[in-house]
Amino acid sequence: MGDVIELADGRCFGLARYGAVDGDPVLALHGAPASRIMFDVADGPAKKLGLTLYCPDRPGYGLTPKEDAPSLEARVRDLELIADALSLNQFSVLGVSGGGPYAVALAARLGDRVRGLGLVSPLGPVAQFEKARKSGHIGKEHDRLSRGHRIFFLDLPKISSVLAVQAGISARVFKAAPHLFARLFALSLSKSDRKVLQQPHVQESLIDMTLEALRQGVVGGLADLEVFSKPWPVKFEAITAPAILWQGTADRIVPAAVSVWLSGLIPNCRLERLEDCGHFWVYDHIEEVLGGLAGISRSASAGADAAD
């Protein structure tokens, strides 16, 4: 739980490892607000599938110091340095929820070095989606952003002082009564998500990862929102890894329409549309997700070996 990895430039990042001791490597990127220990529930399934999950804390979360000017580009460079420090020549990438933007950008940056890309309930490029919708470049099959999503992901980050106060109050309430906070939070979710969160092991996992995420306060979450509110400087066509994107239709945390749109931007991406499933579907299906990612990654590796 308390591992730290030092990069070539001397900076340190919190890092957790789960799964097989020497399995096929997966760089697993947590949500927001969350932390490296988010993937504790994946330990058993990863061992069964022969996968090793490397799970870093983003800046401001857990054991990783905050950064002064957060950007998608800078964080992706950090992830590349983490992969270098771990001697991961080729690996898969898994991005869950708020880890999605970083997973996509890393796959675009590293090209063939990434063997497979898995995205679970990912936050998509909200700013680009909204711009494309307003200009008429998005078809009727995509819903518009809800008012709540537009305020949270696009408007609030522009008034950082107000957002910081709200986030600070929420964090203090959560730390004072995490189980009560978790129960109240569940009331705002879909029926399917409430059912998932009623499970004691899920509640404990969410509480533990969030408490660790708040080790340094709310700086990690605020930095993520700043990144999320901006257009992604990503060349989607540079992604060569096969990809799977799982998205529930009853997800109220991320804009599902943007996630679906994202699947169309990524070459060779299979969309798994999960009818009546919510944001936390993955807790009951982590083995399915890891198995799907392992399948496309190993197929890609076999294809590359045959071509050589």
Protein backbone atom coordinates (compact mmCIF):
# COMPACT_ATOMS: atom_id res chain seq x y z
CA MET A 1 0.00 0.00 0.00
CA GLY A 2 2.86 2.37 0.72
CA ASP A 3 5.20 1.69 -2.18
CA VAL A 4 6.90 4.60 -3.93
CA ILE A 5 8.73 4.58 -7.25
CA GLU A 6 11.47 7.09 -8.07
CA LEU A 7 11.74 8.39 -11.62
CA ALA A 8 14.91 9.19 -13.52
CA ASP A 9 14.50 12.88 -12.68
CA GLY A 10 14.30 12.17 -8.94
CA ARG A 11 10.59 12.70 -8.47
CA CYS A 12 8.61 10.05 -6.60
CA PHE A 13 5.16 8.60 -7.30
CA GLY A 14 3.00 6.40 -5.12
CA LEU A 15 2.64 2.96 -6.69
CA ALA A 16 0.69 -0.18 -5.80
CA ARG A 17 1.14 -3.59 -7.38
CA TYR A 18 -1.57 -6.23 -7.65
CA GLY A 19 -1.93 -9.61 -9.30
CA ALA A 20 0.71 -12.06 -10.45
CA VAL A 21 4.30 -11.57 -9.34
CA ASP A 22 5.71 -11.62 -12.85
CA GLY A 23 2.68 -11.53 -15.15
CA ASP A 24 1.80 -9.63 -18.28
CA PRO A 25 2.09 -5.96 -17.29
CA VAL A 26 -0.86 -3.60 -17.12
CA LEU A 27 -0.55 0.08 -16.19
CA ALA A 28 -3.83 0.73 -14.34
CA LEU A 29 -4.98 4.34 -13.95
CA HIS A 30 -7.41 5.23 -11.18
CA GLY A 31 -10.48 7.44 -11.23
CA ALA A 32 -11.10 10.83 -9.64
CA PRO A 33 -11.01 11.33 -6.75
CA ALA A 34 -9.30 8.00 -6.09
CA SER A 35 -5.87 6.51 -5.57
CA ARG A 36 -3.58 3.61 -6.37
CA ILE A 37 -5.41 1.28 -3.94
CA MET A 38 -8.57 1.51 -6.06
CA PHE A 39 -7.42 -1.69 -7.75
CA ASP A 40 -7.23 -3.81 -4.60
CA VAL A 41 -10.40 -5.63 -5.74
CA ALA A 42 -8.54 -6.69 -8.90
CA ASP A 43 -5.78 -8.58 -7.09
CA GLY A 44 -7.35 -12.05 -7.20
CA PRO A 45 -8.67 -11.87 -10.78
CA ALA A 46 -5.34 -10.47 -11.99
CA LYS A 47 -3.48 -13.39 -10.39
CA LYS A 48 -5.89 -15.84 -12.00
CA LEU A 49 -5.34 -14.28 -15.43
CA GLY A 50 -1.56 -13.96 -15.10
CA LEU A 51 -1.53 -10.16 -15.05
CA THR A 52 0.54 -7.75 -12.98
CA LEU A 53 -1.17 -4.42 -12.34
CA TYR A 54 1.01 -1.36 -11.74
CA CYS A 55 -1.15 1.39 -10.25
CA PRO A 56 0.37 4.86 -9.76
CA ASP A 57 -1.09 7.75 -7.79
CA ARG A 58 -1.57 10.86 -9.91
CA PRO A 59 -0.06 14.10 -8.56
CA GLY A 60 -1.87 15.35 -5.47
CA TYR A 61 -3.33 11.95 -4.61
CA GLY A 62 -2.04 9.47 -2.06
CA LEU A 63 1.76 9.42 -1.93
CA THR A 64 2.45 11.51 -5.04
CA PRO A 65 3.27 15.19 -4.43
CA LYS A 66 1.08 17.77 -6.11
CA GLU A 67 2.17 19.62 -9.26
CA ASP A 68 1.98 23.34 -9.96
CA ALA A 69 0.54 23.37 -13.49
CA PRO A 70 -1.43 20.21 -14.27
CA SER A 71 -1.87 19.30 -17.92
CA LEU A 72 -2.71 16.17 -19.86
CA GLU A 73 0.58 16.36 -21.75
CA ALA A 74 2.71 16.62 -18.60
CA ARG A 75 0.92 13.77 -16.88
CA VAL A 76 1.27 11.50 -19.88
CA ARG A 77 4.99 12.21 -19.98
CA ASP A 78 5.10 11.21 -16.31
CA LEU A 79 3.31 7.95 -17.08
CA GLU A 80 5.85 7.22 -19.79
CA LEU A 81 8.64 7.80 -17.26
CA ILE A 82 6.90 5.50 -14.80
CA ALA A 83 6.74 2.76 -17.45
CA ASP A 84 10.43 3.34 -18.16
CA ALA A 85 11.31 3.10 -14.46
CA LEU A 86 9.39 -0.18 -14.24
CA SER A 87 11.20 -1.48 -17.37
CA LEU A 88 7.88 -2.02 -19.15
CA ASN A 89 8.89 -2.25 -22.79
CA GLN A 90 5.42 -3.29 -23.91
CA PHE A 91 2.31 -3.32 -21.76
CA SER A 92 -1.43 -2.80 -21.64
CA VAL A 93 -3.21 0.24 -20.25
CA LEU A 94 -6.41 0.27 -18.22
CA GLY A 95 -8.19 3.54 -17.49
CA VAL A 96 -11.20 3.64 -15.17
CA SER A 97 -13.48 6.68 -15.02
CA GLY A 98 -11.20 9.73 -14.55
CA GLY A 99 -8.22 7.59 -15.54
CA GLY A 100 -9.67 7.35 -19.04
CA PRO A 101 -8.24 10.59 -20.49
CA TYR A 102 -4.73 9.67 -19.36
CA ALA A 103 -5.03 6.11 -20.69
CA VAL A 104 -6.14 7.32 -24.12
CA ALA A 105 -3.46 10.01 -24.31
CA LEU A 106 -0.76 7.55 -23.24
CA ALA A 107 -1.80 5.01 -25.89
CA ALA A 108 -1.61 7.76 -28.52
CA ARG A 109 1.81 8.90 -27.30
CA LEU A 110 3.42 5.46 -27.13
CA GLY A 111 1.89 3.80 -30.20
CA ASP A 112 3.00 0.17 -30.62
CA ARG A 113 4.48 0.08 -27.14
CA VAL A 114 0.90 -0.22 -25.82
CA ARG A 115 -0.49 -3.66 -26.66
CA GLY A 116 -4.06 -3.15 -25.48
CA LEU A 117 -6.26 -0.34 -24.18
CA GLY A 118 -9.14 -0.91 -21.78
CA LEU A 119 -11.52 1.88 -20.75
CA VAL A 120 -14.21 1.43 -18.10
CA SER A 121 -16.86 4.14 -17.71
CA PRO A 122 -14.26 6.65 -18.95
CA LEU A 123 -14.63 10.39 -18.84
CA GLY A 124 -14.48 11.46 -22.47
CA PRO A 125 -13.35 14.75 -24.05
CA VAL A 126 -16.22 16.84 -22.69
CA ALA A 127 -15.06 20.20 -24.08
CA GLN A 128 -14.58 18.83 -27.59
CA PHE A 129 -17.92 17.03 -27.45
CA GLU A 130 -19.74 20.21 -26.48
CA LYS A 131 -18.02 22.21 -29.21
CA ALA A 132 -18.82 19.56 -31.84
CA ARG A 133 -22.43 19.38 -30.71
CA LYS A 134 -22.91 23.14 -30.90
CA SER A 135 -21.40 23.23 -34.39
CA GLY A 136 -23.68 20.45 -35.59
CA HIS A 137 -20.91 17.88 -36.08
CA ILE A 138 -22.48 15.35 -33.71
CA GLY A 139 -25.44 13.31 -34.88
CA LYS A 140 -28.75 12.86 -33.12
CA GLU A 141 -27.67 9.45 -31.81
CA HIS A 142 -25.61 11.28 -29.17
CA ASP A 143 -27.43 12.97 -26.29
CA ARG A 144 -26.39 16.42 -25.19
CA LEU A 145 -24.62 17.06 -21.90
CA SER A 146 -26.90 17.31 -18.91
CA ARG A 147 -26.96 20.65 -17.14
CA GLY A 148 -25.25 19.08 -14.12
CA HIS A 149 -22.42 17.59 -16.18
CA ARG A 150 -21.89 20.84 -18.06
CA ILE A 151 -21.67 22.83 -14.82
CA PHE A 152 -19.39 20.34 -13.09
CA PHE A 153 -16.95 19.57 -15.89
CA LEU A 154 -16.93 22.84 -17.85
CA ASP A 155 -18.19 25.75 -15.74
CA LEU A 156 -17.01 25.13 -12.16
CA PRO A 157 -13.33 24.63 -13.09
CA LYS A 158 -13.35 28.21 -14.41
CA ILE A 159 -14.12 29.53 -10.93
CA SER A 160 -11.49 27.57 -9.05
CA SER A 161 -11.92 29.45 -5.76
CA VAL A 162 -15.58 28.45 -5.48
CA LEU A 163 -14.80 24.88 -6.52
CA ALA A 164 -12.01 24.65 -3.94
CA VAL A 165 -14.35 25.74 -1.13
CA GLN A 166 -17.05 23.24 -2.17
CA ALA A 167 -14.54 20.43 -2.52
CA GLY A 168 -12.98 21.23 0.85
CA ILE A 169 -16.34 21.10 2.61
CA SER A 170 -17.21 17.77 0.96
CA ALA A 171 -13.83 16.32 1.92
CA ARG A 172 -14.22 17.31 5.58
CA VAL A 173 -17.72 15.80 5.71
CA PHE A 174 -16.46 12.60 4.12
CA LYS A 175 -13.55 12.25 6.54
CA ALA A 176 -15.83 12.88 9.51
CA ALA A 177 -18.44 10.29 8.53
CA PRO A 178 -17.31 8.24 5.52
CA HIS A 179 -19.96 5.51 5.79
CA LEU A 180 -22.79 8.02 6.12
CA PHE A 181 -21.38 10.04 3.22
CA ALA A 182 -21.17 6.86 1.10
CA ARG A 183 -24.81 6.00 1.83
CA LEU A 184 -25.99 9.50 0.96
CA PHE A 185 -23.87 9.51 -2.19
CA ALA A 186 -25.48 6.25 -3.32
CA LEU A 187 -28.91 7.91 -3.21
CA SER A 188 -27.89 10.16 -6.12
CA LEU A 189 -27.03 7.19 -8.33
CA SER A 190 -29.01 4.83 -10.50
CA LYS A 191 -30.74 1.75 -9.08
CA SER A 192 -28.05 -0.52 -10.51
CA ASP A 193 -25.27 1.48 -8.88
CA ARG A 194 -27.07 1.58 -5.53
CA LYS A 195 -27.27 -2.21 -5.63
CA VAL A 196 -23.52 -2.49 -6.27
CA LEU A 197 -22.67 -0.05 -3.48
CA GLN A 198 -24.78 -1.95 -0.95
CA GLN A 199 -22.13 -4.66 -0.90
CA PRO A 200 -19.90 -4.20 2.19
CA HIS A 201 -16.64 -5.00 0.36
CA VAL A 202 -17.44 -2.38 -2.29
CA GLN A 203 -18.23 0.24 0.34
CA GLU A 204 -14.98 -0.44 2.16
CA SER A 205 -12.96 -0.32 -1.06
CA LEU A 206 -14.49 3.02 -2.06
CA ILE A 207 -13.98 4.51 1.39
CA ASP A 208 -10.37 3.32 1.67
CA MET A 209 -9.34 4.57 -1.77
CA THR A 210 -11.04 7.93 -1.21
CA LEU A 211 -9.47 8.47 2.20
CA GLU A 212 -6.09 7.76 0.61
CA ALA A 213 -6.96 10.10 -2.26
CA LEU A 214 -7.56 12.86 0.30
CA ARG A 215 -4.29 12.28 2.15
CA GLN A 216 -3.07 15.68 0.87
CA GLY A 217 -6.49 17.30 0.81
CA VAL A 218 -8.43 18.05 -2.36
CA VAL A 219 -5.53 19.17 -4.56
CA GLY A 220 -5.57 15.97 -6.61
CA GLY A 221 -9.23 16.20 -7.48
CA LEU A 222 -9.05 19.91 -8.30
CA ALA A 223 -6.09 19.32 -10.60
CA ASP A 224 -7.93 16.53 -12.39
CA LEU A 225 -10.97 18.74 -12.99
CA GLU A 226 -8.72 21.43 -14.43
CA VAL A 227 -7.34 18.89 -16.90
CA PHE A 228 -10.78 17.43 -17.68
CA SER A 229 -12.30 20.82 -18.50
CA LYS A 230 -9.91 21.44 -21.39
CA PRO A 231 -9.73 19.95 -24.90
CA TRP A 232 -7.51 16.90 -25.17
CA PRO A 233 -4.33 17.51 -27.23
CA VAL A 234 -4.49 13.91 -28.46
CA LYS A 235 -3.97 12.50 -31.95
CA PHE A 236 -6.47 9.66 -31.77
CA GLU A 237 -5.27 8.23 -35.08
CA ALA A 238 -1.89 7.53 -33.45
CA ILE A 239 -3.46 4.83 -31.25
CA THR A 240 -2.44 1.46 -32.67
CA ALA A 241 -3.50 -0.78 -29.78
CA PRO A 242 -6.81 -2.64 -30.01
CA ALA A 243 -9.24 -1.16 -27.50
CA ILE A 244 -12.39 -2.04 -25.59
CA LEU A 245 -14.63 0.58 -23.97
CA TRP A 246 -17.26 -0.52 -21.44
CA GLN A 247 -19.99 2.05 -20.75
CA GLY A 248 -23.20 1.67 -18.78
CA THR A 249 -26.34 3.39 -20.02
CA ALA A 250 -27.41 4.21 -16.43
CA ASP A 251 -24.15 5.94 -15.52
CA ARG A 252 -24.81 9.26 -13.79
CA ILE A 253 -21.19 10.04 -12.89
CA VAL A 254 -19.67 10.57 -16.33
CA PRO A 255 -21.61 11.71 -19.42
CA ALA A 256 -22.30 8.37 -21.13
CA ALA A 257 -22.89 10.06 -24.49
CA VAL A 258 -19.35 11.47 -24.44
CA SER A 259 -17.90 8.06 -23.60
CA VAL A 260 -19.75 6.51 -26.55
CA TRP A 261 -18.51 9.33 -28.79
CA LEU A 262 -14.98 8.69 -27.55
CA SER A 263 -15.22 5.06 -28.66
CA GLY A 264 -15.77 6.30 -32.21
CA LEU A 265 -12.68 8.52 -32.09
CA ILE A 266 -10.36 5.64 -31.16
CA PRO A 267 -9.34 3.38 -34.07
CA ASN A 268 -10.13 -0.31 -33.64
CA CYS A 269 -12.19 0.28 -30.50
CA ARG A 270 -14.99 -2.11 -29.55
CA LEU A 271 -17.82 -0.50 -27.63
CA GLU A 272 -19.49 -2.66 -24.99
CA ARG A 273 -22.74 -0.82 -24.24
CA LEU A 274 -24.00 -2.05 -20.87
CA GLU A 275 -27.78 -1.68 -20.75
CA ASP A 276 -29.16 -0.44 -17.41
CA CYS A 277 -25.70 -0.61 -15.79
CA GLY A 278 -24.15 2.22 -13.82
CA HIS A 279 -20.74 3.69 -13.13
CA PHE A 280 -19.70 1.07 -10.60
CA TRP A 281 -20.54 -1.96 -12.76
CA VAL A 282 -16.84 -2.81 -12.82
CA TYR A 283 -16.84 -3.91 -9.17
CA ASP A 284 -18.91 -6.97 -10.09
CA HIS A 285 -17.17 -7.53 -13.43
CA ILE A 286 -13.48 -6.81 -12.86
CA GLU A 287 -12.48 -10.30 -14.03
CA GLU A 288 -14.47 -9.80 -17.24
CA VAL A 289 -12.70 -6.47 -17.85
CA LEU A 290 -9.23 -7.84 -17.16
CA GLY A 291 -9.95 -10.92 -19.26
CA GLY A 292 -11.11 -8.80 -22.18
CA LEU A 293 -8.04 -6.59 -21.95
CA ALA A 294 -5.73 -9.60 -21.67
CA GLY A 295 -7.39 -11.18 -24.70
CA ILE A 296 -6.91 -8.27 -27.07
CA SER A 297 -3.41 -7.57 -25.75
CA ARG A 298 -2.21 -11.14 -26.21
CA SER A 299 -3.76 -11.34 -29.66
CA ALA A 300 -1.94 -8.15 -30.62
CA SER A 301 1.33 -9.54 -29.28
CA ALA A 302 0.87 -12.80 -31.17
CA GLY A 303 0.14 -10.87 -34.36
CA ALA A 304 3.22 -8.74 -33.94
CA ASP A 305 5.39 -11.78 -33.31
CA ALA A 306 4.02 -13.52 -36.41
CA ALA A 307 4.72 -10.41 -38.51
CA ASP A 308 8.35 -10.42 -37.29
